[in-house]
Every structure is written in structure tokens, then in C-alpha cells.
Amino acid sequence: GEDVLAALSEPFELTGLHVTVTGCVGVSSGGRGRSAARLLREADTAVTRAKTRGHQQAVVFDADLAHDVALRLGTAVSLRGAVGRGEVVVNQ
């Protein structure tokens, strides 16, 4: 991820203008039995986390990030269920 960020940050010329690009990188490493769709989802999750940290960030999808995602998803599902059962009232 860091090598990609370094390459992106190199200034270049485009139609006579000097341009510098910044970016964020999300990485998911392949493993036996992991589908391309799963790897893309994990990389997308990692790049979303990188964006929340600011410019020029690289994040690798790992067990900690998977745990954070599972907690957030569980909270969202619980809240939706509570609203559906009338346990929580949403004021607009």
C-alpha cells in the first residue's frame, strides 16, 4: 500500500499542467478458498477505513478490521429490529 501511495504522490505533467495526486489504498490479501468477490469486499472495506483516517492512508483488511465491521453490522441490525418492534422511536 505504501509503495502505491508513494507512486501516486509523484508529480507529473498533464496537458502542460503540473499535477499531484493523493489517494487512499485498501488491501486484502488472497488466501486459499477466498473468492474474488470477497477479496473486493474486504479491499473496499479497508479503503473506506483508510478514507476515514485522511489523505494518503493505506489500510490492510485484517482480523481487527473484520471484528470492527462485525460489531457495527450487529449494532445496525439490532437497532433496526428495535425500531421495528417499537422499542426505539425515531424522531425526524
Protein backbone atom coordinates (compact mmCIF):
# COMPACT_ATOMS: atom_id res chain seq x y z
CA GLY A 1 0.00 0.00 0.00
CA GLU A 2 2.77 2.45 0.89
CA ASP A 3 4.51 1.89 -2.46
CA VAL A 4 1.30 2.69 -4.32
CA LEU A 5 0.81 5.87 -2.28
CA ALA A 6 4.39 6.94 -2.99
CA ALA A 7 3.91 6.36 -6.72
CA LEU A 8 0.65 8.32 -6.72
CA SER A 9 2.23 11.28 -4.97
CA GLU A 10 4.89 11.76 -7.66
CA PRO A 11 4.05 14.96 -9.60
CA PHE A 12 3.53 14.61 -13.34
CA GLU A 13 2.67 16.82 -16.28
CA LEU A 14 -0.73 16.70 -17.91
CA THR A 15 -1.50 18.96 -20.85
CA GLY A 16 1.08 21.44 -19.68
CA LEU A 17 -0.01 21.46 -16.03
CA HIS A 18 1.93 20.00 -13.13
CA VAL A 19 -0.42 17.63 -11.31
CA THR A 20 -0.08 15.86 -7.98
CA VAL A 21 -2.48 13.12 -6.96
CA THR A 22 -3.22 11.81 -3.48
CA GLY A 23 -5.17 8.73 -2.60
CA CYS A 24 -6.09 6.07 -0.14
CA VAL A 25 -5.42 2.36 -0.55
CA GLY A 26 -7.30 -0.66 0.79
CA VAL A 27 -5.59 -4.04 0.66
CA SER A 28 -6.96 -7.55 1.02
CA SER A 29 -4.55 -10.44 0.75
CA GLY A 30 -5.62 -13.56 -1.01
CA GLY A 31 -5.90 -16.89 0.64
CA ARG A 32 -6.97 -20.34 -0.30
CA GLY A 33 -10.70 -20.53 -0.87
CA ARG A 34 -11.30 -16.76 -0.96
CA SER A 35 -13.38 -15.62 -3.89
CA ALA A 36 -12.63 -12.54 -5.95
CA ALA A 37 -15.90 -11.03 -4.70
CA ARG A 38 -14.82 -11.50 -1.08
CA LEU A 39 -11.39 -10.01 -1.73
CA LEU A 40 -13.01 -6.98 -3.39
CA ARG A 41 -15.41 -6.51 -0.45
CA GLU A 42 -12.53 -6.68 2.01
CA ALA A 43 -10.41 -4.24 -0.02
CA ASP A 44 -13.40 -1.89 -0.29
CA THR A 45 -13.88 -2.05 3.49
CA ALA A 46 -10.18 -1.33 4.01
CA VAL A 47 -10.18 1.66 1.63
CA THR A 48 -13.27 3.06 3.37
CA ARG A 49 -11.40 2.85 6.69
CA ALA A 50 -8.35 4.49 5.05
CA LYS A 51 -10.53 7.39 3.86
CA THR A 52 -11.82 8.00 7.39
CA ARG A 53 -8.21 8.39 8.53
CA GLY A 54 -7.49 11.15 6.00
CA HIS A 55 -5.38 11.63 2.89
CA GLN A 56 -2.54 9.34 1.86
CA GLN A 57 -3.54 6.37 4.02
CA ALA A 58 -3.17 2.65 3.42
CA VAL A 59 -5.15 0.06 5.39
CA VAL A 60 -4.89 -3.72 5.21
CA PHE A 61 -8.04 -5.75 5.88
CA ASP A 62 -7.19 -7.89 8.89
CA ALA A 63 -8.87 -9.68 11.80
CA ASP A 64 -9.24 -6.43 13.80
CA LEU A 65 -10.98 -4.66 10.93
CA ALA A 66 -13.22 -7.70 10.35
CA HIS A 67 -14.14 -7.63 14.05
CA ASP A 68 -14.97 -3.89 13.89
CA VAL A 69 -17.15 -4.44 10.83
CA ALA A 70 -19.00 -7.33 12.50
CA LEU A 71 -19.67 -5.20 15.60
CA ARG A 72 -21.00 -2.30 13.53
CA LEU A 73 -23.20 -4.61 11.49
CA GLY A 74 -24.56 -6.28 14.64
CA THR A 75 -25.38 -2.88 16.14
CA ALA A 76 -27.14 -1.75 12.96
CA VAL A 77 -29.20 -4.96 12.80
CA SER A 78 -30.14 -4.66 16.49
CA LEU A 79 -31.20 -1.04 16.09
CA ARG A 80 -33.32 -1.82 13.03
CA GLY A 81 -35.01 -4.65 14.93
CA ALA A 82 -35.65 -2.42 17.96
CA VAL A 83 -37.20 0.27 15.74
CA GLY A 84 -39.35 -2.37 14.02
CA ARG A 85 -40.60 -3.65 17.36
CA GLY A 86 -41.37 -0.12 18.59
CA GLU A 87 -38.66 -0.28 21.26
CA VAL A 88 -36.96 2.77 19.83
CA VAL A 89 -38.75 5.76 18.38
CA VAL A 90 -37.03 7.72 15.65
CA ASN A 91 -37.89 11.43 15.61
CA GLN A 92 -37.49 13.27 12.35
